[in-house]
C-alpha atoms as a PDB file:
ATOM      1  CA  UNK A   1       0.000   0.000   0.000  1.00  0.00           C
ATOM      2  CA  UNK A   2       2.941   2.338   0.529  1.00  0.00           C
ATOM      3  CA  UNK A   3       3.513   2.348  -3.237  1.00  0.00           C
ATOM      4  CA  UNK A   4      -0.037   3.600  -3.896  1.00  0.00           C
ATOM      5  CA  UNK A   5       0.200   6.207  -1.145  1.00  0.00           C
ATOM      6  CA  UNK A   6       3.463   7.572  -2.543  1.00  0.00           C
ATOM      7  CA  UNK A   7       2.072   7.526  -6.077  1.00  0.00           C
ATOM      8  CA  UNK A   8      -0.971   9.548  -5.002  1.00  0.00           C
ATOM      9  CA  UNK A   9       1.230  12.139  -3.324  1.00  0.00           C
ATOM     10  CA  UNK A  10       3.524  12.353  -6.350  1.00  0.00           C
ATOM     11  CA  UNK A  11       0.454  12.993  -8.520  1.00  0.00           C
ATOM     12  CA  UNK A  12      -0.535  15.988  -6.409  1.00  0.00           C
ATOM     13  CA  UNK A  13      -2.810  14.698  -3.651  1.00  0.00           C
ATOM     14  CA  UNK A  14      -2.801  16.943  -0.587  1.00  0.00           C
ATOM     15  CA  UNK A  15      -2.915  13.802   1.556  1.00  0.00           C
ATOM     16  CA  UNK A  16      -2.993  10.073   0.861  1.00  0.00           C
ATOM     17  CA  UNK A  17      -3.760   7.708   3.692  1.00  0.00           C
ATOM     18  CA  UNK A  18      -3.625   3.941   3.823  1.00  0.00           C
ATOM     19  CA  UNK A  19      -6.805   2.511   5.316  1.00  0.00           C
ATOM     20  CA  UNK A  20      -7.989  -0.894   6.416  1.00  0.00           C
ATOM     21  CA  UNK A  21     -11.627  -1.737   5.835  1.00  0.00           C
ATOM     22  CA  UNK A  22     -12.245  -1.411   9.590  1.00  0.00           C
ATOM     23  CA  UNK A  23     -11.394   2.310   9.275  1.00  0.00           C
ATOM     24  CA  UNK A  24     -14.359   2.936   6.970  1.00  0.00           C
ATOM     25  CA  UNK A  25     -17.509   4.098   8.775  1.00  0.00           C
ATOM     26  CA  UNK A  26     -20.620   2.811   7.037  1.00  0.00           C
ATOM     27  CA  UNK A  27     -23.930   4.527   7.773  1.00  0.00           C
ATOM     28  CA  UNK A  28     -26.911   4.137   5.465  1.00  0.00           C
ATOM     29  CA  UNK A  29     -28.361   7.441   6.728  1.00  0.00           C
ATOM     30  CA  UNK A  30     -26.201   9.069   4.055  1.00  0.00           C
ATOM     31  CA  UNK A  31     -28.983   8.116   1.659  1.00  0.00           C
ATOM     32  CA  UNK A  32     -31.283  10.583   3.443  1.00  0.00           C
ATOM     33  CA  UNK A  33     -28.839  13.420   2.754  1.00  0.00           C
ATOM     34  CA  UNK A  34     -28.762  12.443  -0.908  1.00  0.00           C
ATOM     35  CA  UNK A  35     -32.554  12.164  -1.171  1.00  0.00           C
ATOM     36  CA  UNK A  36     -33.444  15.294   0.750  1.00  0.00           C
ATOM     37  CA  UNK A  37     -30.338  17.449   0.561  1.00  0.00           C
ATOM     38  CA  UNK A  38     -29.054  17.192  -2.975  1.00  0.00           C
ATOM     39  CA  UNK A  39     -30.465  19.036  -5.975  1.00  0.00           C
ATOM     40  CA  UNK A  40     -29.028  16.329  -8.248  1.00  0.00           C
ATOM     41  CA  UNK A  41     -31.195  13.537  -6.791  1.00  0.00           C
ATOM     42  CA  UNK A  42     -32.608  11.502  -9.660  1.00  0.00           C
ATOM     43  CA  UNK A  43     -30.429  13.114 -12.305  1.00  0.00           C
ATOM     44  CA  UNK A  44     -26.787  12.083 -12.216  1.00  0.00           C
ATOM     45  CA  UNK A  45     -25.336   8.828 -13.483  1.00  0.00           C
ATOM     46  CA  UNK A  46     -23.505   8.191 -10.199  1.00  0.00           C
ATOM     47  CA  UNK A  47     -26.469   9.118  -7.997  1.00  0.00           C
ATOM     48  CA  UNK A  48     -27.945   6.428  -5.724  1.00  0.00           C
ATOM     49  CA  UNK A  49     -31.339   7.258  -7.265  1.00  0.00           C
ATOM     50  CA  UNK A  50     -30.364   6.081 -10.736  1.00  0.00           C
ATOM     51  CA  UNK A  51     -32.035   2.918 -12.037  1.00  0.00           C
ATOM     52  CA  UNK A  52     -30.107  -0.173 -11.037  1.00  0.00           C
ATOM     53  CA  UNK A  53     -28.136   1.514  -8.256  1.00  0.00           C
ATOM     54  CA  UNK A  54     -27.380  -0.571  -5.224  1.00  0.00           C
ATOM     55  CA  UNK A  55     -28.649   0.479  -1.829  1.00  0.00           C
ATOM     56  CA  UNK A  56     -26.122   1.570   0.827  1.00  0.00           C
ATOM     57  CA  UNK A  57     -26.334  -1.717   2.752  1.00  0.00           C
ATOM     58  CA  UNK A  58     -25.701  -3.606  -0.500  1.00  0.00           C
ATOM     59  CA  UNK A  59     -22.625  -1.477  -1.207  1.00  0.00           C
ATOM     60  CA  UNK A  60     -21.429  -2.074   2.336  1.00  0.00           C
ATOM     61  CA  UNK A  61     -21.643  -5.845   1.912  1.00  0.00           C
ATOM     62  CA  UNK A  62     -19.543  -5.624  -1.254  1.00  0.00           C
ATOM     63  CA  UNK A  63     -16.998  -3.071   0.001  1.00  0.00           C
ATOM     64  CA  UNK A  64     -16.368  -5.050   3.202  1.00  0.00           C
ATOM     65  CA  UNK A  65     -14.868  -7.769   0.980  1.00  0.00           C
ATOM     66  CA  UNK A  66     -11.850  -5.478   0.463  1.00  0.00           C
ATOM     67  CA  UNK A  67      -8.961  -5.408   2.907  1.00  0.00           C
ATOM     68  CA  UNK A  68      -8.262  -1.707   2.563  1.00  0.00           C
ATOM     69  CA  UNK A  69      -6.924   0.876   0.201  1.00  0.00           C
ATOM     70  CA  UNK A  70      -5.993   4.529  -0.100  1.00  0.00           C
ATOM     71  CA  UNK A  71      -7.979   7.644   0.803  1.00  0.00           C
ATOM     72  CA  UNK A  72      -7.056  10.605  -1.390  1.00  0.00           C
ATOM     73  CA  UNK A  73      -7.589  14.202  -0.255  1.00  0.00           C
ATOM     74  CA  UNK A  74      -7.418  17.191  -2.567  1.00  0.00           C
ATOM     75  CA  UNK A  75      -8.789  20.717  -2.658  1.00  0.00           C
ATOM     76  CA  UNK A  76      -9.503  20.033  -6.352  1.00  0.00           C
ATOM     77  CA  UNK A  77     -12.394  17.705  -7.147  1.00  0.00           C
ATOM     78  CA  UNK A  78     -11.102  16.714 -10.593  1.00  0.00           C
ATOM     79  CA  UNK A  79      -7.597  16.007  -9.277  1.00  0.00           C
ATOM     80  CA  UNK A  80      -8.947  13.709  -6.556  1.00  0.00           C
ATOM     81  CA  UNK A  81     -10.869  11.740  -9.170  1.00  0.00           C
ATOM     82  CA  UNK A  82      -7.988  11.586 -11.657  1.00  0.00           C
ATOM     83  CA  UNK A  83      -5.600  10.328  -8.987  1.00  0.00           C
ATOM     84  CA  UNK A  84      -8.104   7.676  -7.926  1.00  0.00           C
ATOM     85  CA  UNK A  85      -8.363   6.429 -11.521  1.00  0.00           C
ATOM     86  CA  UNK A  86      -4.582   6.220 -11.873  1.00  0.00           C
ATOM     87  CA  UNK A  87      -4.255   4.292  -8.608  1.00  0.00           C
ATOM     88  CA  UNK A  88      -7.084   1.948  -9.554  1.00  0.00           C
ATOM     89  CA  UNK A  89      -5.458   1.203 -12.909  1.00  0.00           C
ATOM     90  CA  UNK A  90      -2.020   0.714 -11.365  1.00  0.00           C
ATOM     91  CA  UNK A  91      -3.443  -1.708  -8.795  1.00  0.00           C
ATOM     92  CA  UNK A  92      -5.276  -3.575 -11.557  1.00  0.00           C
ATOM     93  CA  UNK A  93      -2.075  -3.866 -13.611  1.00  0.00           C
ATOM     94  CA  UNK A  94      -0.286  -5.202 -10.523  1.00  0.00           C
ATOM     95  CA  UNK A  95      -2.779  -8.050 -10.212  1.00  0.00           C
ATOM     96  CA  UNK A  96      -5.287  -6.421  -7.857  1.00  0.00           C
ATOM     97  CA  UNK A  97      -8.027  -6.868 -10.457  1.00  0.00           C
ATOM     98  CA  UNK A  98     -10.885  -5.941  -8.107  1.00  0.00           C
ATOM     99  CA  UNK A  99      -9.415  -2.499  -7.331  1.00  0.00           C
ATOM    100  CA  UNK A 100     -12.217   0.059  -7.424  1.00  0.00           C
ATOM    101  CA  UNK A 101     -12.252   3.813  -6.974  1.00  0.00           C
ATOM    102  CA  UNK A 102     -14.937   6.000  -5.458  1.00  0.00           C
ATOM    103  CA  UNK A 103     -14.989   9.746  -6.054  1.00  0.00           C
ATOM    104  CA  UNK A 104     -17.304  12.638  -6.642  1.00  0.00           C
ATOM    105  CA  UNK A 105     -17.537  12.686 -10.418  1.00  0.00           C
ATOM    106  CA  UNK A 106     -15.861  15.615 -12.163  1.00  0.00           C
ATOM    107  CA  UNK A 107     -15.469  14.149 -15.650  1.00  0.00           C
ATOM    108  CA  UNK A 108     -17.801  16.676 -17.262  1.00  0.00           C
ATOM    109  CA  UNK A 109     -18.207  20.392 -16.645  1.00  0.00           C
ATOM    110  CA  UNK A 110     -21.914  19.742 -16.158  1.00  0.00           C
ATOM    111  CA  UNK A 111     -23.283  16.255 -15.541  1.00  0.00           C
ATOM    112  CA  UNK A 112     -25.053  14.853 -18.595  1.00  0.00           C
ATOM    113  CA  UNK A 113     -27.847  13.737 -16.270  1.00  0.00           C
ATOM    114  CA  UNK A 114     -28.663  17.382 -15.616  1.00  0.00           C
ATOM    115  CA  UNK A 115     -29.192  17.775 -19.373  1.00  0.00           C
ATOM    116  CA  UNK A 116     -31.285  14.578 -19.619  1.00  0.00           C
ATOM    117  CA  UNK A 117     -28.738  12.798 -21.817  1.00  0.00           C
ATOM    118  CA  UNK A 118     -26.797   9.583 -21.320  1.00  0.00           C
ATOM    119  CA  UNK A 119     -23.503   9.714 -19.451  1.00  0.00           C
ATOM    120  CA  UNK A 120     -20.610   9.955 -21.938  1.00  0.00           C
ATOM    121  CA  UNK A 121     -18.295   8.161 -19.454  1.00  0.00           C
ATOM    122  CA  UNK A 122     -20.333   5.303 -17.946  1.00  0.00           C
ATOM    123  CA  UNK A 123     -17.260   3.119 -17.373  1.00  0.00           C
ATOM    124  CA  UNK A 124     -15.342   5.886 -15.592  1.00  0.00           C
ATOM    125  CA  UNK A 125     -18.037   7.769 -13.673  1.00  0.00           C
ATOM    126  CA  UNK A 126     -18.033   6.441 -10.119  1.00  0.00           C
ATOM    127  CA  UNK A 127     -20.181   7.033  -7.072  1.00  0.00           C
ATOM    128  CA  UNK A 128     -18.984   9.273  -4.272  1.00  0.00           C
ATOM    129  CA  UNK A 129     -18.135   8.031  -0.786  1.00  0.00           C
ATOM    130  CA  UNK A 130     -21.368   9.292   0.737  1.00  0.00           C
ATOM    131  CA  UNK A 131     -23.617   7.962  -2.011  1.00  0.00           C
ATOM    132  CA  UNK A 132     -22.617   4.371  -1.224  1.00  0.00           C
ATOM    133  CA  UNK A 133     -23.344   4.698   2.484  1.00  0.00           C
ATOM    134  CA  UNK A 134     -19.997   5.841   3.868  1.00  0.00           C
ATOM    135  CA  UNK A 135     -19.910   8.530   6.548  1.00  0.00           C
ATOM    136  CA  UNK A 136     -17.140  10.612   4.996  1.00  0.00           C
ATOM    137  CA  UNK A 137     -16.831  12.941   7.988  1.00  0.00           C
ATOM    138  CA  UNK A 138     -16.242  10.212  10.572  1.00  0.00           C
ATOM    139  CA  UNK A 139     -14.043   8.228   8.202  1.00  0.00           C
ATOM    140  CA  UNK A 140     -11.637  11.037   7.285  1.00  0.00           C
ATOM    141  CA  UNK A 141     -11.572  12.408  10.831  1.00  0.00           C
ATOM    142  CA  UNK A 142     -10.131   9.049  11.917  1.00  0.00           C
ATOM    143  CA  UNK A 143      -7.072  10.134   9.903  1.00  0.00           C
ATOM    144  CA  UNK A 144      -7.120  13.722  11.164  1.00  0.00           C
ATOM    145  CA  UNK A 145      -7.921  14.923   7.663  1.00  0.00           C
ATOM    146  CA  UNK A 146      -9.774  18.215   7.158  1.00  0.00           C
ATOM    147  CA  UNK A 147     -13.503  18.187   6.541  1.00  0.00           C
ATOM    148  CA  UNK A 148     -16.053  20.513   8.091  1.00  0.00           C
ATOM    149  CA  UNK A 149     -19.529  21.570   7.088  1.00  0.00           C
ATOM    150  CA  UNK A 150     -19.301  24.662   4.920  1.00  0.00           C
ATOM    151  CA  UNK A 151     -20.954  27.842   6.122  1.00  0.00           C
ATOM    152  CA  UNK A 152     -20.820  29.516   2.689  1.00  0.00           C
ATOM    153  CA  UNK A 153     -20.073  28.660  -0.931  1.00  0.00           C
ATOM    154  CA  UNK A 154     -16.934  30.813  -0.786  1.00  0.00           C
ATOM    155  CA  UNK A 155     -15.220  28.489   1.662  1.00  0.00           C
ATOM    156  CA  UNK A 156     -12.642  26.140   0.129  1.00  0.00           C
ATOM    157  CA  UNK A 157     -13.852  22.585  -0.222  1.00  0.00           C
ATOM    158  CA  UNK A 158     -12.086  19.363   0.612  1.00  0.00           C
ATOM    159  CA  UNK A 159     -12.643  16.525  -1.827  1.00  0.00           C
ATOM    160  CA  UNK A 160     -12.104  12.868  -1.043  1.00  0.00           C
ATOM    161  CA  UNK A 161     -11.716   9.838  -3.234  1.00  0.00           C
ATOM    162  CA  UNK A 162     -10.691   6.328  -2.312  1.00  0.00           C
ATOM    163  CA  UNK A 163      -9.375   3.276  -4.044  1.00  0.00           C
ATOM    164  CA  UNK A 164     -10.449  -0.004  -2.505  1.00  0.00           C
ATOM    165  CA  UNK A 165      -7.827  -2.684  -3.042  1.00  0.00           C
ATOM    166  CA  UNK A 166      -8.190  -6.370  -2.247  1.00  0.00           C
END
């Protein structure tokens, strides 16, 4: 895992932390925040409301099959996602064929779902931590990483991605 951590940092991550699956805090209440707190509910390809999406407790059952992975922190949403893709691919090429990244999607300037068209990147667009039932706040705070509720849109955001590796 040290290799993936160092790779993430060399690619520009603000932080990269090795986690074991026991470090991940699952809480299906995240679905409530998606349903009743997100303007994108029912629109985006990576949204838990999309047809065929798993429910948080189904994601949890699957994700608990992993041993751990890397949490990536960046102040840039796109960078966090790009780094997660690179780490996932590198792990895959090294024989960890079930490696899987989670990140808030930043592939398009505006999500195709908001325009009522099909996602142009269905094999790359991935769900975010919270949309699969992970309490991002409690999880990243276990690593003393920054994440607070924002009081205004002018405040800098912290973006998190993760690569689950078997």
